[in-house]
Amino acid sequence: MRTITLTTEEMVLIDRLKQMKMSGMAEAYEEQLRNPNADLSGFYDRFANIVNFEWELRFNKKFNRYLKKATLRYPQASFDETIYDPDRRLDTETIEQLSTCKWLDEGRNLLITGATGAGKSYISNALCIAAIKQFRTVKYIRANTMMSEMDQARIKSTYLDYVNHMARLDLLVIDDFGLMDLDLDKCRDFFEVIDSRDNQKSTIIVSQLPVKAWYDLFADNTYADACLDRIIHKAFRLELNGKNMRNPM
């Protein structure tokens, strides 16, 4: 294919688009100018292609920024056809409703429980990605890691900043809940995070233990009552008791 030389006027337009931080439009426009068959498409199609290229570029850049901050365990998680595998025994209707993220507007919580390998973390991450696509702020963290970070924040005198950051997140996922000792200090720390989000922001708790066993995880009964009242009240639930996705055979 022969090289097409752009005119001065065309180069000026491309440069102006770049100066206006519309690099996607500039790239798409230049590509059309260099395509000898571009005139086969009408004005609307060509203009739509330029605009859509810019829109997708900006969407992807913003999405990737939000995704990086979310620190997901499975950043490529999605709801593909495997959720309809009958051996997984998933409540697909509930999952489909949750994936719309409307429940986040109500500050409702979600409790995901089930056996090891059933896909709890993966599903929670897929819900995170659905929220990120709507540009909601998301954070995925293991319970032990959150407790450690709060200890460090206390030492560094940034404890209040840490709690306020967690409070502002549109969706917080606390994974592996129950795989840590909740002594009095950790009870207090866990309560601070949960209470700061109560009825305002949504939290997903992921655990191998059934909800009825959570009370005994707390060293202090008062904190157990306070935390579980805020977590469980009006929370949606997903119980995963199907086949082990790590060892599907």
C-alpha atoms as a PDB file:
ATOM      1  CA  MET A   1       0.000   0.000   0.000  1.00  0.00           C
ATOM      2  CA  ARG A   2       1.394   3.352  -0.960  1.00  0.00           C
ATOM      3  CA  THR A   3       2.207   5.942   1.675  1.00  0.00           C
ATOM      4  CA  ILE A   4      -0.263   8.803   1.840  1.00  0.00           C
ATOM      5  CA  THR A   5       1.265  12.186   2.623  1.00  0.00           C
ATOM      6  CA  LEU A   6      -0.858  14.377   4.868  1.00  0.00           C
ATOM      7  CA  THR A   7      -1.446  18.020   4.006  1.00  0.00           C
ATOM      8  CA  THR A   8      -0.341  20.857   6.254  1.00  0.00           C
ATOM      9  CA  GLU A   9      -3.964  21.537   7.200  1.00  0.00           C
ATOM     10  CA  GLU A  10      -4.489  17.902   8.191  1.00  0.00           C
ATOM     11  CA  MET A  11      -1.335  17.881  10.308  1.00  0.00           C
ATOM     12  CA  VAL A  12      -2.461  21.083  12.047  1.00  0.00           C
ATOM     13  CA  LEU A  13      -5.800  19.451  12.960  1.00  0.00           C
ATOM     14  CA  ILE A  14      -4.047  16.392  14.332  1.00  0.00           C
ATOM     15  CA  ASP A  15      -1.691  18.561  16.376  1.00  0.00           C
ATOM     16  CA  ARG A  16      -4.599  20.615  17.760  1.00  0.00           C
ATOM     17  CA  LEU A  17      -6.440  17.477  18.821  1.00  0.00           C
ATOM     18  CA  LYS A  18      -3.350  16.339  20.698  1.00  0.00           C
ATOM     19  CA  GLN A  19      -2.945  19.750  22.339  1.00  0.00           C
ATOM     20  CA  MET A  20      -6.548  19.481  23.530  1.00  0.00           C
ATOM     21  CA  LYS A  21      -5.625  16.093  25.042  1.00  0.00           C
ATOM     22  CA  MET A  22      -7.695  14.184  22.505  1.00  0.00           C
ATOM     23  CA  SER A  23      -4.958  11.815  21.452  1.00  0.00           C
ATOM     24  CA  GLY A  24      -7.451   9.051  20.675  1.00  0.00           C
ATOM     25  CA  MET A  25      -9.341  11.235  18.223  1.00  0.00           C
ATOM     26  CA  ALA A  26      -6.054  12.377  16.710  1.00  0.00           C
ATOM     27  CA  GLU A  27      -4.937   8.791  16.187  1.00  0.00           C
ATOM     28  CA  ALA A  28      -8.262   7.673  14.709  1.00  0.00           C
ATOM     29  CA  TYR A  29      -8.449  10.735  12.448  1.00  0.00           C
ATOM     30  CA  GLU A  30      -4.912  10.206  11.162  1.00  0.00           C
ATOM     31  CA  GLU A  31      -5.648   6.537  10.554  1.00  0.00           C
ATOM     32  CA  GLN A  32      -8.640   7.502   8.401  1.00  0.00           C
ATOM     33  CA  LEU A  33      -6.590  10.031   6.481  1.00  0.00           C
ATOM     34  CA  ARG A  34      -3.986   7.395   5.674  1.00  0.00           C
ATOM     35  CA  ASN A  35      -6.583   4.777   4.700  1.00  0.00           C
ATOM     36  CA  PRO A  36      -7.295   5.041   0.949  1.00  0.00           C
ATOM     37  CA  ASN A  37     -10.616   3.235   1.451  1.00  0.00           C
ATOM     38  CA  ALA A  38     -11.919   5.456   4.238  1.00  0.00           C
ATOM     39  CA  ASP A  39     -14.220   7.357   1.847  1.00  0.00           C
ATOM     40  CA  LEU A  40     -16.280   4.184   1.390  1.00  0.00           C
ATOM     41  CA  SER A  41     -17.850   4.973   4.764  1.00  0.00           C
ATOM     42  CA  GLY A  42     -20.234   7.874   5.273  1.00  0.00           C
ATOM     43  CA  PHE A  43     -19.548  10.950   7.390  1.00  0.00           C
ATOM     44  CA  TYR A  44     -21.519   9.675  10.401  1.00  0.00           C
ATOM     45  CA  ASP A  45     -19.692   6.329  10.518  1.00  0.00           C
ATOM     46  CA  ARG A  46     -16.289   7.978  10.177  1.00  0.00           C
ATOM     47  CA  PHE A  47     -17.033  10.618  12.802  1.00  0.00           C
ATOM     48  CA  ALA A  48     -18.523   8.011  15.172  1.00  0.00           C
ATOM     49  CA  ASN A  49     -15.381   5.930  14.808  1.00  0.00           C
ATOM     50  CA  ILE A  50     -13.211   8.884  15.798  1.00  0.00           C
ATOM     51  CA  VAL A  51     -15.355   9.792  18.809  1.00  0.00           C
ATOM     52  CA  ASN A  52     -15.716   6.180  19.979  1.00  0.00           C
ATOM     53  CA  PHE A  53     -11.967   5.615  19.745  1.00  0.00           C
ATOM     54  CA  GLU A  54     -11.368   8.584  22.049  1.00  0.00           C
ATOM     55  CA  TRP A  55     -14.113   7.481  24.440  1.00  0.00           C
ATOM     56  CA  GLU A  56     -12.773   3.922  24.699  1.00  0.00           C
ATOM     57  CA  LEU A  57      -9.237   5.170  25.240  1.00  0.00           C
ATOM     58  CA  ARG A  58     -10.314   7.394  28.121  1.00  0.00           C
ATOM     59  CA  PHE A  59     -12.584   4.701  29.592  1.00  0.00           C
ATOM     60  CA  ASN A  60      -9.793   2.127  29.565  1.00  0.00           C
ATOM     61  CA  LYS A  61      -7.276   4.504  31.137  1.00  0.00           C
ATOM     62  CA  LYS A  62      -9.675   5.446  33.927  1.00  0.00           C
ATOM     63  CA  PHE A  63     -10.769   1.833  34.415  1.00  0.00           C
ATOM     64  CA  ASN A  64      -7.163   0.692  34.756  1.00  0.00           C
ATOM     65  CA  ARG A  65      -6.476   3.390  37.367  1.00  0.00           C
ATOM     66  CA  TYR A  66      -9.438   2.234  39.445  1.00  0.00           C
ATOM     67  CA  LEU A  67      -8.506  -1.410  38.921  1.00  0.00           C
ATOM     68  CA  LYS A  68      -4.949  -0.870  40.139  1.00  0.00           C
ATOM     69  CA  LYS A  69      -6.157   0.819  43.324  1.00  0.00           C
ATOM     70  CA  ALA A  70      -8.578  -2.037  44.019  1.00  0.00           C
ATOM     71  CA  THR A  71      -5.686  -4.528  44.524  1.00  0.00           C
ATOM     72  CA  LEU A  72      -7.799  -7.457  43.379  1.00  0.00           C
ATOM     73  CA  ARG A  73      -6.644 -11.030  43.741  1.00  0.00           C
ATOM     74  CA  TYR A  74      -8.178 -11.868  40.353  1.00  0.00           C
ATOM     75  CA  PRO A  75      -8.040  -8.703  38.223  1.00  0.00           C
ATOM     76  CA  GLN A  76      -9.372 -10.597  35.174  1.00  0.00           C
ATOM     77  CA  ALA A  77     -12.390 -12.072  36.998  1.00  0.00           C
ATOM     78  CA  SER A  78     -15.682 -12.101  35.090  1.00  0.00           C
ATOM     79  CA  PHE A  79     -19.063 -13.777  35.093  1.00  0.00           C
ATOM     80  CA  ASP A  80     -18.664 -16.168  32.187  1.00  0.00           C
ATOM     81  CA  GLU A  81     -20.653 -19.276  31.308  1.00  0.00           C
ATOM     82  CA  THR A  82     -19.037 -21.279  34.139  1.00  0.00           C
ATOM     83  CA  ILE A  83     -21.390 -19.733  36.689  1.00  0.00           C
ATOM     84  CA  TYR A  84     -24.214 -21.663  35.021  1.00  0.00           C
ATOM     85  CA  ASP A  85     -22.475 -25.022  35.523  1.00  0.00           C
ATOM     86  CA  PRO A  86     -25.058 -27.048  37.496  1.00  0.00           C
ATOM     87  CA  ASP A  87     -22.291 -28.751  39.499  1.00  0.00           C
ATOM     88  CA  ARG A  88     -21.408 -25.392  41.044  1.00  0.00           C
ATOM     89  CA  ARG A  89     -24.933 -24.986  42.432  1.00  0.00           C
ATOM     90  CA  LEU A  90     -24.742 -21.199  42.246  1.00  0.00           C
ATOM     91  CA  ASP A  91     -27.665 -18.844  42.717  1.00  0.00           C
ATOM     92  CA  THR A  92     -27.174 -17.335  39.271  1.00  0.00           C
ATOM     93  CA  GLU A  93     -30.278 -15.127  39.479  1.00  0.00           C
ATOM     94  CA  THR A  94     -28.914 -13.429  42.598  1.00  0.00           C
ATOM     95  CA  ILE A  95     -25.450 -13.095  41.043  1.00  0.00           C
ATOM     96  CA  GLU A  96     -26.938 -11.468  37.941  1.00  0.00           C
ATOM     97  CA  GLN A  97     -28.838  -8.975  40.103  1.00  0.00           C
ATOM     98  CA  LEU A  98     -25.771  -8.209  42.213  1.00  0.00           C
ATOM     99  CA  SER A  99     -23.668  -7.618  39.098  1.00  0.00           C
ATOM    100  CA  THR A 100     -25.826  -4.570  38.253  1.00  0.00           C
ATOM    101  CA  CYS A 101     -24.370  -2.930  41.402  1.00  0.00           C
ATOM    102  CA  LYS A 102     -27.681  -1.256  42.273  1.00  0.00           C
ATOM    103  CA  TRP A 103     -27.352  -2.604  45.805  1.00  0.00           C
ATOM    104  CA  LEU A 104     -24.290  -0.390  46.279  1.00  0.00           C
ATOM    105  CA  ASP A 105     -26.518   2.673  46.025  1.00  0.00           C
ATOM    106  CA  GLU A 106     -28.361   1.443  49.127  1.00  0.00           C
ATOM    107  CA  GLY A 107     -25.230   0.718  51.154  1.00  0.00           C
ATOM    108  CA  ARG A 108     -26.245  -2.930  51.500  1.00  0.00           C
ATOM    109  CA  ASN A 109     -23.712  -5.608  52.442  1.00  0.00           C
ATOM    110  CA  LEU A 110     -23.049  -9.034  50.926  1.00  0.00           C
ATOM    111  CA  LEU A 111     -21.929 -12.165  52.778  1.00  0.00           C
ATOM    112  CA  ILE A 112     -20.235 -14.840  50.673  1.00  0.00           C
ATOM    113  CA  THR A 113     -19.655 -18.153  52.441  1.00  0.00           C
ATOM    114  CA  GLY A 114     -18.806 -21.679  51.395  1.00  0.00           C
ATOM    115  CA  ALA A 115     -16.199 -24.384  51.165  1.00  0.00           C
ATOM    116  CA  THR A 116     -12.575 -23.873  50.150  1.00  0.00           C
ATOM    117  CA  GLY A 117     -12.143 -23.738  46.385  1.00  0.00           C
ATOM    118  CA  ALA A 118     -15.788 -22.996  45.609  1.00  0.00           C
ATOM    119  CA  GLY A 119     -14.884 -19.671  43.971  1.00  0.00           C
ATOM    120  CA  LYS A 120     -15.807 -17.211  46.715  1.00  0.00           C
ATOM    121  CA  SER A 121     -12.862 -14.861  46.148  1.00  0.00           C
ATOM    122  CA  TYR A 122     -13.232 -15.032  42.377  1.00  0.00           C
ATOM    123  CA  ILE A 123     -16.924 -14.112  42.473  1.00  0.00           C
ATOM    124  CA  SER A 124     -16.230 -11.266  44.896  1.00  0.00           C
ATOM    125  CA  ASN A 125     -13.570  -9.965  42.492  1.00  0.00           C
ATOM    126  CA  ALA A 126     -15.933 -10.246  39.524  1.00  0.00           C
ATOM    127  CA  LEU A 127     -18.420  -8.095  41.471  1.00  0.00           C
ATOM    128  CA  CYS A 128     -15.595  -5.633  42.146  1.00  0.00           C
ATOM    129  CA  ILE A 129     -14.865  -5.356  38.429  1.00  0.00           C
ATOM    130  CA  ALA A 130     -18.560  -4.773  37.708  1.00  0.00           C
ATOM    131  CA  ALA A 131     -18.424  -1.881  40.188  1.00  0.00           C
ATOM    132  CA  ILE A 132     -15.170  -0.514  38.760  1.00  0.00           C
ATOM    133  CA  LYS A 133     -16.736  -0.432  35.300  1.00  0.00           C
ATOM    134  CA  GLN A 134     -19.195   2.042  36.805  1.00  0.00           C
ATOM    135  CA  PHE A 135     -16.217   3.946  38.247  1.00  0.00           C
ATOM    136  CA  ARG A 136     -17.020   3.156  41.841  1.00  0.00           C
ATOM    137  CA  THR A 137     -14.099   3.085  44.260  1.00  0.00           C
ATOM    138  CA  VAL A 138     -13.223  -0.444  45.325  1.00  0.00           C
ATOM    139  CA  LYS A 139     -10.761  -2.147  47.678  1.00  0.00           C
ATOM    140  CA  TYR A 140     -10.126  -5.867  48.077  1.00  0.00           C
ATOM    141  CA  ILE A 141      -8.145  -6.937  51.122  1.00  0.00           C
ATOM    142  CA  ARG A 142      -7.645 -10.029  53.238  1.00  0.00           C
ATOM    143  CA  ALA A 143      -8.767  -9.703  56.858  1.00  0.00           C
ATOM    144  CA  ASN A 144      -5.290 -10.460  58.230  1.00  0.00           C
ATOM    145  CA  THR A 145      -3.752  -7.830  55.951  1.00  0.00           C
ATOM    146  CA  MET A 146      -6.278  -5.201  57.033  1.00  0.00           C
ATOM    147  CA  MET A 147      -5.562  -5.907  60.701  1.00  0.00           C
ATOM    148  CA  SER A 148      -1.808  -5.618  60.080  1.00  0.00           C
ATOM    149  CA  GLU A 149      -2.223  -2.366  58.160  1.00  0.00           C
ATOM    150  CA  MET A 150      -4.260  -0.902  60.998  1.00  0.00           C
ATOM    151  CA  ASP A 151      -1.530  -1.869  63.484  1.00  0.00           C
ATOM    152  CA  GLN A 152       1.033  -0.096  61.301  1.00  0.00           C
ATOM    153  CA  ALA A 153      -1.236   2.929  60.901  1.00  0.00           C
ATOM    154  CA  ARG A 154      -1.493   3.216  64.663  1.00  0.00           C
ATOM    155  CA  ILE A 155       2.302   3.126  64.998  1.00  0.00           C
ATOM    156  CA  LYS A 156       2.689   5.770  62.277  1.00  0.00           C
ATOM    157  CA  SER A 157      -0.087   7.954  63.748  1.00  0.00           C
ATOM    158  CA  THR A 158      -2.118   7.594  60.527  1.00  0.00           C
ATOM    159  CA  TYR A 159      -4.846   5.442  62.063  1.00  0.00           C
ATOM    160  CA  LEU A 160      -7.647   7.975  61.578  1.00  0.00           C
ATOM    161  CA  ASP A 161      -6.596   8.564  57.965  1.00  0.00           C
ATOM    162  CA  TYR A 162      -6.699   4.821  57.316  1.00  0.00           C
ATOM    163  CA  VAL A 163     -10.181   4.424  58.787  1.00  0.00           C
ATOM    164  CA  ASN A 164     -11.460   7.459  56.869  1.00  0.00           C
ATOM    165  CA  HIS A 165     -10.044   6.049  53.631  1.00  0.00           C
ATOM    166  CA  MET A 166     -11.819   2.743  54.209  1.00  0.00           C
ATOM    167  CA  ALA A 167     -15.020   4.590  55.087  1.00  0.00           C
ATOM    168  CA  ARG A 168     -15.108   6.442  51.768  1.00  0.00           C
ATOM    169  CA  LEU A 169     -14.776   3.394  49.515  1.00  0.00           C
ATOM    170  CA  ASP A 170     -17.922   2.554  47.565  1.00  0.00           C
ATOM    171  CA  LEU A 171     -17.182  -1.154  47.948  1.00  0.00           C
ATOM    172  CA  LEU A 172     -14.859  -2.859  50.430  1.00  0.00           C
ATOM    173  CA  VAL A 173     -14.209  -6.600  50.192  1.00  0.00           C
ATOM    174  CA  ILE A 174     -12.778  -8.299  53.288  1.00  0.00           C
ATOM    175  CA  ASP A 175     -11.678 -11.809  52.326  1.00  0.00           C
ATOM    176  CA  ASP A 176     -10.715 -14.779  54.513  1.00  0.00           C
ATOM    177  CA  PHE A 177     -12.736 -13.476  57.439  1.00  0.00           C
ATOM    178  CA  GLY A 178     -12.340 -15.964  60.276  1.00  0.00           C
ATOM    179  CA  LEU A 179      -8.753 -16.923  59.497  1.00  0.00           C
ATOM    180  CA  MET A 180      -7.402 -14.570  62.143  1.00  0.00           C
ATOM    181  CA  ASP A 181      -7.594 -14.101  65.899  1.00  0.00           C
ATOM    182  CA  LEU A 182      -9.838 -11.203  66.854  1.00  0.00           C
ATOM    183  CA  ASP A 183      -8.362 -10.184  70.183  1.00  0.00           C
ATOM    184  CA  LEU A 184      -9.646  -7.058  71.906  1.00  0.00           C
ATOM    185  CA  ASP A 185      -7.506  -4.675  69.840  1.00  0.00           C
ATOM    186  CA  LYS A 186      -8.489  -6.320  66.563  1.00  0.00           C
ATOM    187  CA  CYS A 187     -12.138  -6.322  67.634  1.00  0.00           C
ATOM    188  CA  ARG A 188     -11.867  -2.575  68.141  1.00  0.00           C
ATOM    189  CA  ASP A 189     -10.112  -2.060  64.793  1.00  0.00           C
ATOM    190  CA  PHE A 190     -12.603  -4.191  62.896  1.00  0.00           C
ATOM    191  CA  PHE A 191     -15.484  -2.325  64.509  1.00  0.00           C
ATOM    192  CA  GLU A 192     -14.016   1.058  63.525  1.00  0.00           C
ATOM    193  CA  VAL A 193     -13.988   0.080  59.849  1.00  0.00           C
ATOM    194  CA  ILE A 194     -17.404  -1.579  59.850  1.00  0.00           C
ATOM    195  CA  ASP A 195     -19.073   1.186  61.847  1.00  0.00           C
ATOM    196  CA  SER A 196     -17.633   3.918  59.605  1.00  0.00           C
ATOM    197  CA  ARG A 197     -19.358   2.309  56.599  1.00  0.00           C
ATOM    198  CA  ASP A 198     -22.639   1.287  58.246  1.00  0.00           C
ATOM    199  CA  ASN A 199     -25.736   2.048  56.129  1.00  0.00           C
ATOM    200  CA  GLN A 200     -23.670   4.265  53.810  1.00  0.00           C
ATOM    201  CA  LYS A 201     -21.207   2.091  51.906  1.00  0.00           C
ATOM    202  CA  SER A 202     -21.307  -1.570  50.917  1.00  0.00           C
ATOM    203  CA  THR A 203     -19.024  -4.256  52.298  1.00  0.00           C
ATOM    204  CA  ILE A 204     -18.542  -7.828  51.109  1.00  0.00           C
ATOM    205  CA  ILE A 205     -17.404 -10.309  53.741  1.00  0.00           C
ATOM    206  CA  VAL A 206     -15.946 -13.543  52.365  1.00  0.00           C
ATOM    207  CA  SER A 207     -15.515 -16.496  54.703  1.00  0.00           C
ATOM    208  CA  GLN A 208     -15.147 -20.268  54.779  1.00  0.00           C
ATOM    209  CA  LEU A 209     -17.126 -20.278  58.008  1.00  0.00           C
ATOM    210  CA  PRO A 210     -20.939 -20.125  58.079  1.00  0.00           C
ATOM    211  CA  VAL A 211     -22.386 -16.867  59.385  1.00  0.00           C
ATOM    212  CA  LYS A 212     -23.683 -18.585  62.524  1.00  0.00           C
ATOM    213  CA  ALA A 213     -20.066 -19.302  63.551  1.00  0.00           C
ATOM    214  CA  TRP A 214     -18.851 -15.705  63.271  1.00  0.00           C
ATOM    215  CA  TYR A 215     -19.897 -14.649  66.754  1.00  0.00           C
ATOM    216  CA  ASP A 216     -17.339 -16.972  68.356  1.00  0.00           C
ATOM    217  CA  LEU A 217     -14.488 -15.337  66.401  1.00  0.00           C
ATOM    218  CA  PHE A 218     -14.620 -12.234  68.607  1.00  0.00           C
ATOM    219  CA  ALA A 219     -12.767 -12.149  71.927  1.00  0.00           C
ATOM    220  CA  ASP A 220     -15.236  -9.567  73.229  1.00  0.00           C
ATOM    221  CA  ASN A 221     -18.981 -10.233  73.171  1.00  0.00           C
ATOM    222  CA  THR A 222     -19.892  -6.547  73.057  1.00  0.00           C
ATOM    223  CA  TYR A 223     -17.844  -6.003  69.925  1.00  0.00           C
ATOM    224  CA  ALA A 224     -19.212  -9.234  68.451  1.00  0.00           C
ATOM    225  CA  ASP A 225     -22.774  -7.961  68.876  1.00  0.00           C
ATOM    226  CA  ALA A 226     -21.921  -4.500  67.523  1.00  0.00           C
ATOM    227  CA  CYS A 227     -19.972  -5.722  64.488  1.00  0.00           C
ATOM    228  CA  LEU A 228     -22.330  -8.489  63.455  1.00  0.00           C
ATOM    229  CA  ASP A 229     -25.378  -6.268  63.841  1.00  0.00           C
ATOM    230  CA  ARG A 230     -23.854  -3.840  61.335  1.00  0.00           C
ATOM    231  CA  ILE A 231     -22.603  -6.551  58.974  1.00  0.00           C
ATOM    232  CA  ILE A 232     -25.546  -8.936  58.873  1.00  0.00           C
ATOM    233  CA  HIS A 233     -28.535  -6.580  59.086  1.00  0.00           C
ATOM    234  CA  LYS A 234     -30.245  -6.449  55.666  1.00  0.00           C
ATOM    235  CA  ALA A 235     -27.218  -8.124  54.044  1.00  0.00           C
ATOM    236  CA  PHE A 236     -27.543 -10.200  50.898  1.00  0.00           C
ATOM    237  CA  ARG A 237     -26.087 -13.709  51.008  1.00  0.00           C
ATOM    238  CA  LEU A 238     -24.389 -16.107  48.648  1.00  0.00           C
ATOM    239  CA  GLU A 239     -23.592 -19.631  49.814  1.00  0.00           C
ATOM    240  CA  LEU A 240     -21.201 -21.562  47.583  1.00  0.00           C
ATOM    241  CA  ASN A 241     -21.335 -25.282  48.200  1.00  0.00           C
ATOM    242  CA  GLY A 242     -20.690 -26.667  44.736  1.00  0.00           C
ATOM    243  CA  LYS A 243     -17.666 -28.367  43.234  1.00  0.00           C
ATOM    244  CA  ASN A 244     -14.109 -27.349  44.031  1.00  0.00           C
ATOM    245  CA  MET A 245     -12.955 -25.056  41.200  1.00  0.00           C
ATOM    246  CA  ARG A 246      -9.298 -25.646  42.052  1.00  0.00           C
ATOM    247  CA  ASN A 247      -9.758 -29.386  41.603  1.00  0.00           C
ATOM    248  CA  PRO A 248     -12.811 -29.645  39.292  1.00  0.00           C
ATOM    249  CA  MET A 249     -12.162 -33.321  38.631  1.00  0.00           C
END
